[in-house]
Amino acid sequence: MSDKRIYIGIDNGVSGSIGLIRQSATERHTEFFPVPTFSEQNYTKAKQNITRIDHKSLLERLRYVAGEIHIVMERPMVNPMRFRATTSALRALESTLCILEILGLSFSYVDSKAWQKMLLPLGVKGTPELKKASIDIGCRLFPEHAEAIRKQKDADGILIAEYCRRTFE
């Protein structure tokens, strides 16, 4: 077992975030950042843009992660009634999976309800209330990232990393 443990939480998707908790016996360092993305013209006939994962930036952010690494990624939303959102989520998942494979990093999936049950107050339901609770708990647990959490409009990536830490520690 390495002296340094690294817990990474990935809130999958083009509007998601990533949290890292680096922990050793004597210190703890955290990072929280939005999933890097870029926009480009879609390949369909209608003129519109799509947002994609910036895999080069993501690769650079994760390239130098070393130690005993545990990665948990939120399972993507797949709902045939929400075709465009599902397509975006699955494209983002594939891009993220390719980066993890290139870096030789293994991971596991978690359903949002599992990490939320561990970290958010009981009885919180509905997207607006879940986002508010995510911000409140994220800012309380990781005050050094409060500004970034508020800008992101949730703390899901760093909270998934905390779920990962509590699960694997």
Foldseek 3Di string as FASTA:
>chain_A
DWQKEKFKEWAFFQLTKIKIWIDGPPDIDIDIDGQAWDKDFDPDPDTDIDIAGPLVVVLVVCQPDDTHYEYEYEDFDADPVPVVSNVRRVRRVVSVVVSCVVSVHDYYYDHPVVLCVVQFDPPQDDDVSSLVRQLVSCCVVPVVCNVVCVVSSGRRNNSRSVVRVVVPD
